[in-house]
């Protein structure tokens, strides 16, 4: 079986596990309960159920079975029981199960200002369709009364991004123009979902290589590229050498 990873909406790796040594028919239970094979009690929000879903290896391959009222989603579609193959990504309770090394987010990120706290938050955008809205079934959850349960959709195909409004009540806007048809998005585009202001950024996906025992992974985000400050330390060393040379010349 490929290695599985559970990541947060920001790309923080919460768990990494493999089942190569497990016999066929032994289930892997994922949820908040400490009794689960993969326990997320201290890492996941309450939208993750005590026993959220089960992965199981049968004679014909891997399958996933939902056990939660909150559901498991592949893209925009809820799944109750489905086959699983490398590259699949499943949304459950604000977390993502990535099945295999091929299951990676895009380099694009959606940032926004949380209306409740005034703090900036962000979420990774995944290849294919990403939904935005208040419901936990969305790829990106925005909790604001101006945002509909299913408000908008952002489709990622390589470096191309397109936003569509999903018949939201207050509307979706790119710049000051209301979205009435699929609209291409440029890097650093400013978007408004209801009254929530958001903007696009591009980062570098960092996939940490940690142990696969099922324990907690070191938390590292798939964060944006650092700004161009890598020249600072070399410049300081050059300046220090110049100062030392001047002092030596003065002494001699």
C-alpha atoms as a PDB file:
ATOM      1  CA  UNK A   1       0.000   0.000   0.000  1.00  0.00           C
ATOM      2  CA  UNK A   2       1.224   3.546  -0.680  1.00  0.00           C
ATOM      3  CA  UNK A   3       2.046   5.734   2.280  1.00  0.00           C
ATOM      4  CA  UNK A   4      -0.954   7.753   3.514  1.00  0.00           C
ATOM      5  CA  UNK A   5      -0.845  11.258   4.948  1.00  0.00           C
ATOM      6  CA  UNK A   6      -3.455  13.217   6.891  1.00  0.00           C
ATOM      7  CA  UNK A   7      -2.988  16.964   6.439  1.00  0.00           C
ATOM      8  CA  UNK A   8      -4.819  20.075   7.614  1.00  0.00           C
ATOM      9  CA  UNK A   9      -6.299  22.722   5.297  1.00  0.00           C
ATOM     10  CA  UNK A  10      -2.989  24.609   5.563  1.00  0.00           C
ATOM     11  CA  UNK A  11      -0.968  21.555   4.588  1.00  0.00           C
ATOM     12  CA  UNK A  12       0.304  20.714   8.068  1.00  0.00           C
ATOM     13  CA  UNK A  13       1.010  16.987   8.124  1.00  0.00           C
ATOM     14  CA  UNK A  14      -0.831  15.530  11.120  1.00  0.00           C
ATOM     15  CA  UNK A  15      -0.162  11.835  10.498  1.00  0.00           C
ATOM     16  CA  UNK A  16       1.765   9.640   8.092  1.00  0.00           C
ATOM     17  CA  UNK A  17       1.233   5.898   8.062  1.00  0.00           C
ATOM     18  CA  UNK A  18       1.772   2.761   6.002  1.00  0.00           C
ATOM     19  CA  UNK A  19       0.185  -0.670   6.185  1.00  0.00           C
ATOM     20  CA  UNK A  20       2.567  -2.782   4.145  1.00  0.00           C
ATOM     21  CA  UNK A  21       2.852  -5.305   6.973  1.00  0.00           C
ATOM     22  CA  UNK A  22      -0.885  -5.518   7.723  1.00  0.00           C
ATOM     23  CA  UNK A  23      -2.693  -8.698   6.614  1.00  0.00           C
ATOM     24  CA  UNK A  24      -5.576  -8.466   4.161  1.00  0.00           C
ATOM     25  CA  UNK A  25      -8.837  -7.710   5.963  1.00  0.00           C
ATOM     26  CA  UNK A  26      -7.343  -5.801   8.918  1.00  0.00           C
ATOM     27  CA  UNK A  27      -9.118  -2.388   9.047  1.00  0.00           C
ATOM     28  CA  UNK A  28      -7.510   0.992   9.644  1.00  0.00           C
ATOM     29  CA  UNK A  29      -9.953   3.171  11.584  1.00  0.00           C
ATOM     30  CA  UNK A  30      -9.388   6.952  11.409  1.00  0.00           C
ATOM     31  CA  UNK A  31     -11.070   9.391  13.800  1.00  0.00           C
ATOM     32  CA  UNK A  32     -10.805  11.430  16.995  1.00  0.00           C
ATOM     33  CA  UNK A  33     -11.169   8.493  19.407  1.00  0.00           C
ATOM     34  CA  UNK A  34      -8.033   7.195  21.093  1.00  0.00           C
ATOM     35  CA  UNK A  35      -9.215   3.698  20.218  1.00  0.00           C
ATOM     36  CA  UNK A  36      -8.800   4.409  16.470  1.00  0.00           C
ATOM     37  CA  UNK A  37      -5.863   2.999  14.562  1.00  0.00           C
ATOM     38  CA  UNK A  38      -5.060   6.580  13.521  1.00  0.00           C
ATOM     39  CA  UNK A  39      -6.217   8.785  16.411  1.00  0.00           C
ATOM     40  CA  UNK A  40      -6.579  12.527  15.687  1.00  0.00           C
ATOM     41  CA  UNK A  41      -8.068  13.652  19.009  1.00  0.00           C
ATOM     42  CA  UNK A  42      -5.559  16.429  19.692  1.00  0.00           C
ATOM     43  CA  UNK A  43      -5.053  17.524  16.091  1.00  0.00           C
ATOM     44  CA  UNK A  44      -8.425  17.659  14.353  1.00  0.00           C
ATOM     45  CA  UNK A  45     -11.494  19.857  14.817  1.00  0.00           C
ATOM     46  CA  UNK A  46     -14.794  18.501  16.086  1.00  0.00           C
ATOM     47  CA  UNK A  47     -16.040  18.006  12.546  1.00  0.00           C
ATOM     48  CA  UNK A  48     -13.913  14.841  12.619  1.00  0.00           C
ATOM     49  CA  UNK A  49     -16.040  12.120  14.237  1.00  0.00           C
ATOM     50  CA  UNK A  50     -14.866   9.668  16.869  1.00  0.00           C
ATOM     51  CA  UNK A  51     -14.700   7.011  14.150  1.00  0.00           C
ATOM     52  CA  UNK A  52     -14.851   8.874  10.863  1.00  0.00           C
ATOM     53  CA  UNK A  53     -13.928   6.288   8.223  1.00  0.00           C
ATOM     54  CA  UNK A  54     -12.321   2.893   7.722  1.00  0.00           C
ATOM     55  CA  UNK A  55      -9.653   1.897   5.217  1.00  0.00           C
ATOM     56  CA  UNK A  56      -9.481  -1.785   4.405  1.00  0.00           C
ATOM     57  CA  UNK A  57      -7.348  -3.916   2.107  1.00  0.00           C
ATOM     58  CA  UNK A  58      -9.336  -6.601   0.351  1.00  0.00           C
ATOM     59  CA  UNK A  59      -8.352  -9.152  -2.260  1.00  0.00           C
ATOM     60  CA  UNK A  60      -9.292  -6.709  -5.044  1.00  0.00           C
ATOM     61  CA  UNK A  61      -7.547  -3.656  -3.549  1.00  0.00           C
ATOM     62  CA  UNK A  62      -8.170  -0.884  -1.051  1.00  0.00           C
ATOM     63  CA  UNK A  63     -11.561   0.536  -0.081  1.00  0.00           C
ATOM     64  CA  UNK A  64     -12.834   3.369   2.130  1.00  0.00           C
ATOM     65  CA  UNK A  65     -16.086   3.241   4.132  1.00  0.00           C
ATOM     66  CA  UNK A  66     -17.617   6.337   5.725  1.00  0.00           C
ATOM     67  CA  UNK A  67     -18.731   5.990   9.376  1.00  0.00           C
ATOM     68  CA  UNK A  68     -19.525   9.645  10.083  1.00  0.00           C
ATOM     69  CA  UNK A  69     -22.606  11.845   9.827  1.00  0.00           C
ATOM     70  CA  UNK A  70     -20.288  14.636   8.648  1.00  0.00           C
ATOM     71  CA  UNK A  71     -19.315  12.582   5.608  1.00  0.00           C
ATOM     72  CA  UNK A  72     -16.260  11.912   3.478  1.00  0.00           C
ATOM     73  CA  UNK A  73     -15.849  13.697   0.136  1.00  0.00           C
ATOM     74  CA  UNK A  74     -13.834  13.098  -3.008  1.00  0.00           C
ATOM     75  CA  UNK A  75     -13.975  16.383  -4.878  1.00  0.00           C
ATOM     76  CA  UNK A  76     -17.533  17.679  -4.569  1.00  0.00           C
ATOM     77  CA  UNK A  77     -19.087  14.244  -4.145  1.00  0.00           C
ATOM     78  CA  UNK A  78     -19.901  12.505  -0.871  1.00  0.00           C
ATOM     79  CA  UNK A  79     -18.759   8.890  -0.747  1.00  0.00           C
ATOM     80  CA  UNK A  80     -20.199   6.167   1.448  1.00  0.00           C
ATOM     81  CA  UNK A  81     -18.073   3.284   0.224  1.00  0.00           C
ATOM     82  CA  UNK A  82     -15.570   3.475  -2.599  1.00  0.00           C
ATOM     83  CA  UNK A  83     -12.442   1.943  -4.042  1.00  0.00           C
ATOM     84  CA  UNK A  84      -9.210   3.816  -3.310  1.00  0.00           C
ATOM     85  CA  UNK A  85      -6.239   4.176  -5.622  1.00  0.00           C
ATOM     86  CA  UNK A  86      -2.900   6.029  -5.446  1.00  0.00           C
ATOM     87  CA  UNK A  87      -3.353   9.746  -6.034  1.00  0.00           C
ATOM     88  CA  UNK A  88      -6.807   9.928  -4.404  1.00  0.00           C
ATOM     89  CA  UNK A  89      -7.526  12.768  -1.959  1.00  0.00           C
ATOM     90  CA  UNK A  90     -10.476  12.635   0.462  1.00  0.00           C
ATOM     91  CA  UNK A  91     -11.862  15.505   2.535  1.00  0.00           C
ATOM     92  CA  UNK A  92     -13.157  14.679   6.005  1.00  0.00           C
ATOM     93  CA  UNK A  93     -13.972  17.145   8.767  1.00  0.00           C
ATOM     94  CA  UNK A  94     -11.597  19.863   7.559  1.00  0.00           C
ATOM     95  CA  UNK A  95      -8.714  17.399   7.046  1.00  0.00           C
ATOM     96  CA  UNK A  96      -7.468  15.623   3.936  1.00  0.00           C
ATOM     97  CA  UNK A  97      -6.441  12.004   3.482  1.00  0.00           C
ATOM     98  CA  UNK A  98      -3.766  11.792   0.774  1.00  0.00           C
ATOM     99  CA  UNK A  99      -3.381   8.260  -0.578  1.00  0.00           C
ATOM    100  CA  UNK A 100       0.111   7.780  -2.018  1.00  0.00           C
ATOM    101  CA  UNK A 101       2.939  10.129  -2.955  1.00  0.00           C
ATOM    102  CA  UNK A 102       0.997  11.281  -6.032  1.00  0.00           C
ATOM    103  CA  UNK A 103      -1.706  12.859  -3.846  1.00  0.00           C
ATOM    104  CA  UNK A 104      -0.352  16.395  -3.567  1.00  0.00           C
ATOM    105  CA  UNK A 105      -1.925  19.859  -3.469  1.00  0.00           C
ATOM    106  CA  UNK A 106      -1.236  22.499  -6.086  1.00  0.00           C
ATOM    107  CA  UNK A 107       1.170  25.368  -5.457  1.00  0.00           C
ATOM    108  CA  UNK A 108      -1.770  27.766  -5.212  1.00  0.00           C
ATOM    109  CA  UNK A 109      -3.153  29.028  -1.921  1.00  0.00           C
ATOM    110  CA  UNK A 110      -6.224  31.054  -1.006  1.00  0.00           C
ATOM    111  CA  UNK A 111      -5.634  33.575   1.796  1.00  0.00           C
ATOM    112  CA  UNK A 112      -8.340  35.522   3.594  1.00  0.00           C
ATOM    113  CA  UNK A 113      -8.950  37.691   6.642  1.00  0.00           C
ATOM    114  CA  UNK A 114     -11.051  35.890   9.238  1.00  0.00           C
ATOM    115  CA  UNK A 115     -14.036  38.194   9.964  1.00  0.00           C
ATOM    116  CA  UNK A 116     -14.296  36.963  13.568  1.00  0.00           C
ATOM    117  CA  UNK A 117     -10.661  37.457  14.593  1.00  0.00           C
ATOM    118  CA  UNK A 118      -9.264  39.821  11.987  1.00  0.00           C
ATOM    119  CA  UNK A 119      -6.365  37.388  11.533  1.00  0.00           C
ATOM    120  CA  UNK A 120      -5.098  36.083   8.206  1.00  0.00           C
ATOM    121  CA  UNK A 121      -5.742  32.433   7.398  1.00  0.00           C
ATOM    122  CA  UNK A 122      -5.032  30.367   4.300  1.00  0.00           C
ATOM    123  CA  UNK A 123      -5.822  27.046   2.692  1.00  0.00           C
ATOM    124  CA  UNK A 124      -4.170  24.973   0.012  1.00  0.00           C
ATOM    125  CA  UNK A 125      -5.909  24.590  -3.319  1.00  0.00           C
ATOM    126  CA  UNK A 126      -5.961  21.072  -4.740  1.00  0.00           C
ATOM    127  CA  UNK A 127      -5.858  20.035  -8.406  1.00  0.00           C
ATOM    128  CA  UNK A 128      -9.404  19.914  -9.762  1.00  0.00           C
ATOM    129  CA  UNK A 129     -12.424  21.471  -8.092  1.00  0.00           C
ATOM    130  CA  UNK A 130     -12.225  23.312  -4.756  1.00  0.00           C
ATOM    131  CA  UNK A 131     -15.457  24.533  -3.177  1.00  0.00           C
ATOM    132  CA  UNK A 132     -15.759  27.507  -0.825  1.00  0.00           C
ATOM    133  CA  UNK A 133     -18.571  27.998   1.693  1.00  0.00           C
ATOM    134  CA  UNK A 134     -19.810  27.675   5.261  1.00  0.00           C
ATOM    135  CA  UNK A 135     -20.528  23.922   5.204  1.00  0.00           C
ATOM    136  CA  UNK A 136     -17.857  21.476   6.403  1.00  0.00           C
ATOM    137  CA  UNK A 137     -18.254  19.616   3.113  1.00  0.00           C
ATOM    138  CA  UNK A 138     -16.353  22.429   1.349  1.00  0.00           C
ATOM    139  CA  UNK A 139     -12.666  22.288   0.546  1.00  0.00           C
ATOM    140  CA  UNK A 140     -12.338  25.736   2.122  1.00  0.00           C
ATOM    141  CA  UNK A 141     -14.645  26.615   4.999  1.00  0.00           C
ATOM    142  CA  UNK A 142     -15.432  30.302   5.584  1.00  0.00           C
ATOM    143  CA  UNK A 143     -17.586  30.931   8.645  1.00  0.00           C
ATOM    144  CA  UNK A 144     -19.371  34.205   7.957  1.00  0.00           C
ATOM    145  CA  UNK A 145     -23.060  35.037   7.652  1.00  0.00           C
ATOM    146  CA  UNK A 146     -22.498  36.634   4.228  1.00  0.00           C
ATOM    147  CA  UNK A 147     -21.094  33.353   2.870  1.00  0.00           C
ATOM    148  CA  UNK A 148     -23.512  30.712   1.577  1.00  0.00           C
ATOM    149  CA  UNK A 149     -23.256  27.040   2.534  1.00  0.00           C
ATOM    150  CA  UNK A 150     -21.858  26.338  -0.925  1.00  0.00           C
ATOM    151  CA  UNK A 151     -20.730  29.710  -2.160  1.00  0.00           C
ATOM    152  CA  UNK A 152     -18.192  29.316  -4.986  1.00  0.00           C
ATOM    153  CA  UNK A 153     -15.924  26.899  -6.812  1.00  0.00           C
ATOM    154  CA  UNK A 154     -12.268  27.371  -7.767  1.00  0.00           C
ATOM    155  CA  UNK A 155     -10.991  24.934 -10.387  1.00  0.00           C
ATOM    156  CA  UNK A 156      -7.237  24.332 -10.632  1.00  0.00           C
ATOM    157  CA  UNK A 157      -5.790  22.856 -13.811  1.00  0.00           C
ATOM    158  CA  UNK A 158      -2.005  23.173 -13.711  1.00  0.00           C
ATOM    159  CA  UNK A 159      -1.236  26.882 -13.515  1.00  0.00           C
ATOM    160  CA  UNK A 160      -4.729  27.919 -14.629  1.00  0.00           C
ATOM    161  CA  UNK A 161      -7.382  28.860 -12.050  1.00  0.00           C
ATOM    162  CA  UNK A 162     -11.040  29.628 -12.703  1.00  0.00           C
ATOM    163  CA  UNK A 163     -13.648  30.812 -10.173  1.00  0.00           C
ATOM    164  CA  UNK A 164     -17.409  30.253 -10.477  1.00  0.00           C
ATOM    165  CA  UNK A 165     -20.239  31.428  -8.246  1.00  0.00           C
ATOM    166  CA  UNK A 166     -22.540  28.623  -7.032  1.00  0.00           C
ATOM    167  CA  UNK A 167     -25.743  30.685  -6.881  1.00  0.00           C
ATOM    168  CA  UNK A 168     -24.650  32.317  -3.621  1.00  0.00           C
ATOM    169  CA  UNK A 169     -26.949  34.869  -1.988  1.00  0.00           C
ATOM    170  CA  UNK A 170     -24.521  37.811  -1.630  1.00  0.00           C
ATOM    171  CA  UNK A 171     -22.317  36.939  -4.585  1.00  0.00           C
ATOM    172  CA  UNK A 172     -18.698  36.327  -5.544  1.00  0.00           C
ATOM    173  CA  UNK A 173     -16.521  39.165  -6.864  1.00  0.00           C
ATOM    174  CA  UNK A 174     -13.142  39.382  -8.610  1.00  0.00           C
ATOM    175  CA  UNK A 175     -11.881  42.885  -8.010  1.00  0.00           C
ATOM    176  CA  UNK A 176     -15.061  44.949  -8.098  1.00  0.00           C
ATOM    177  CA  UNK A 177     -16.849  42.842 -10.716  1.00  0.00           C
ATOM    178  CA  UNK A 178     -19.463  40.279  -9.749  1.00  0.00           C
ATOM    179  CA  UNK A 179     -18.816  36.786 -11.077  1.00  0.00           C
ATOM    180  CA  UNK A 180     -21.654  35.736 -13.383  1.00  0.00           C
ATOM    181  CA  UNK A 181     -19.733  33.159 -15.443  1.00  0.00           C
ATOM    182  CA  UNK A 182     -16.533  31.110 -15.016  1.00  0.00           C
ATOM    183  CA  UNK A 183     -13.801  33.728 -14.575  1.00  0.00           C
ATOM    184  CA  UNK A 184     -10.021  33.156 -14.912  1.00  0.00           C
ATOM    185  CA  UNK A 185      -7.932  34.138 -11.898  1.00  0.00           C
ATOM    186  CA  UNK A 186      -4.469  35.657 -12.094  1.00  0.00           C
ATOM    187  CA  UNK A 187      -1.770  35.330  -9.438  1.00  0.00           C
ATOM    188  CA  UNK A 188      -2.417  37.821  -6.603  1.00  0.00           C
ATOM    189  CA  UNK A 189      -6.037  38.209  -7.735  1.00  0.00           C
ATOM    190  CA  UNK A 190      -8.336  39.699  -5.100  1.00  0.00           C
ATOM    191  CA  UNK A 191     -11.635  37.898  -4.576  1.00  0.00           C
ATOM    192  CA  UNK A 192     -14.623  38.572  -2.337  1.00  0.00           C
ATOM    193  CA  UNK A 193     -16.964  35.840  -1.111  1.00  0.00           C
ATOM    194  CA  UNK A 194     -19.918  37.757   0.299  1.00  0.00           C
ATOM    195  CA  UNK A 195     -18.075  40.297   2.463  1.00  0.00           C
ATOM    196  CA  UNK A 196     -15.020  38.080   3.126  1.00  0.00           C
ATOM    197  CA  UNK A 197     -12.003  39.412   1.268  1.00  0.00           C
ATOM    198  CA  UNK A 198      -9.517  36.870  -0.077  1.00  0.00           C
ATOM    199  CA  UNK A 199      -6.493  36.791  -2.351  1.00  0.00           C
ATOM    200  CA  UNK A 200      -4.360  34.245  -4.167  1.00  0.00           C
ATOM    201  CA  UNK A 201      -0.731  33.412  -3.487  1.00  0.00           C
ATOM    202  CA  UNK A 202       1.640  30.844  -4.894  1.00  0.00           C
ATOM    203  CA  UNK A 203       3.927  28.781  -2.704  1.00  0.00           C
ATOM    204  CA  UNK A 204       6.258  25.823  -2.812  1.00  0.00           C
ATOM    205  CA  UNK A 205       4.805  22.498  -1.720  1.00  0.00           C
ATOM    206  CA  UNK A 206       6.973  20.963   1.016  1.00  0.00           C
ATOM    207  CA  UNK A 207       6.233  17.325   1.766  1.00  0.00           C
ATOM    208  CA  UNK A 208       8.044  16.353   4.985  1.00  0.00           C
ATOM    209  CA  UNK A 209       9.564  12.890   5.015  1.00  0.00           C
ATOM    210  CA  UNK A 210       8.974  11.609   8.534  1.00  0.00           C
ATOM    211  CA  UNK A 211       8.365   8.235  10.181  1.00  0.00           C
ATOM    212  CA  UNK A 212       5.405   6.120   9.124  1.00  0.00           C
ATOM    213  CA  UNK A 213       4.543   4.457  12.419  1.00  0.00           C
ATOM    214  CA  UNK A 214       1.183   6.190  12.733  1.00  0.00           C
ATOM    215  CA  UNK A 215       2.415   8.524  15.448  1.00  0.00           C
ATOM    216  CA  UNK A 216       2.400  12.281  15.287  1.00  0.00           C
ATOM    217  CA  UNK A 217       4.412  13.845  12.519  1.00  0.00           C
ATOM    218  CA  UNK A 218       6.490  16.923  13.008  1.00  0.00           C
ATOM    219  CA  UNK A 219       4.213  19.745  11.967  1.00  0.00           C
ATOM    220  CA  UNK A 220       5.441  21.539   8.916  1.00  0.00           C
ATOM    221  CA  UNK A 221       3.241  23.551   6.615  1.00  0.00           C
ATOM    222  CA  UNK A 222       3.334  23.511   2.850  1.00  0.00           C
ATOM    223  CA  UNK A 223       4.144  27.186   3.137  1.00  0.00           C
ATOM    224  CA  UNK A 224       4.683  30.030   0.646  1.00  0.00           C
ATOM    225  CA  UNK A 225       8.162  30.620  -0.677  1.00  0.00           C
ATOM    226  CA  UNK A 226      10.212  32.847   1.569  1.00  0.00           C
ATOM    227  CA  UNK A 227      10.801  36.374   0.368  1.00  0.00           C
ATOM    228  CA  UNK A 228      14.151  37.218  -1.220  1.00  0.00           C
ATOM    229  CA  UNK A 229      16.246  37.676   1.938  1.00  0.00           C
ATOM    230  CA  UNK A 230      18.795  34.902   1.358  1.00  0.00           C
ATOM    231  CA  UNK A 231      21.477  37.522   0.505  1.00  0.00           C
ATOM    232  CA  UNK A 232      21.536  39.055   4.002  1.00  0.00           C
ATOM    233  CA  UNK A 233      23.932  36.648   5.757  1.00  0.00           C
ATOM    234  CA  UNK A 234      26.487  36.499   2.887  1.00  0.00           C
ATOM    235  CA  UNK A 235      26.476  40.309   2.718  1.00  0.00           C
ATOM    236  CA  UNK A 236      27.141  40.559   6.457  1.00  0.00           C
ATOM    237  CA  UNK A 237      30.108  38.186   6.142  1.00  0.00           C
ATOM    238  CA  UNK A 238      31.565  40.251   3.284  1.00  0.00           C
ATOM    239  CA  UNK A 239      31.155  43.432   5.306  1.00  0.00           C
ATOM    240  CA  UNK A 240      32.876  41.820   8.311  1.00  0.00           C
ATOM    241  CA  UNK A 241      35.830  40.740   6.146  1.00  0.00           C
ATOM    242  CA  UNK A 242      36.194  44.257   4.750  1.00  0.00           C
ATOM    243  CA  UNK A 243      36.218  45.719   8.262  1.00  0.00           C
ATOM    244  CA  UNK A 244      38.864  43.208   9.381  1.00  0.00           C
ATOM    245  CA  UNK A 245      41.019  44.037   6.331  1.00  0.00           C
ATOM    246  CA  UNK A 246      40.828  47.776   7.064  1.00  0.00           C
ATOM    247  CA  UNK A 247      41.782  47.208  10.716  1.00  0.00           C
ATOM    248  CA  UNK A 248      44.770  45.029   9.732  1.00  0.00           C
ATOM    249  CA  UNK A 249      45.997  47.630   7.223  1.00  0.00           C
ATOM    250  CA  UNK A 250      45.730  50.348   9.875  1.00  0.00           C
ATOM    251  CA  UNK A 251      47.747  48.289  12.372  1.00  0.00           C
ATOM    252  CA  UNK A 252      50.478  47.429   9.854  1.00  0.00           C
END
